[in-house]
Amino acid sequence: MYFTRRIASDGTVQLLTDEGFARLVVPGDRAGGRYISNVRNIVVLSAPPSPLELKDFRYP
């Protein structure tokens, strides 16, 4: 599970939904015509392992 955050101009951290202000284009993207805009900086961090097992996630 990935969480996308942005830091607003006032310094607050906001979680972004899947319909945020920007989208990343990654290899294998089926809609490859998208481009990146309105992005000044991207920082990729690693998170500690989740204490939950994959079976704990329920999909509808």
Foldseek 3Di string as FASTA:
>chain_A
DDWDWDQDPVRDIDTADPPDPFDDQDPPDPPNVDDTPPDDDDDDDDDPDDPDDPVVDDDD
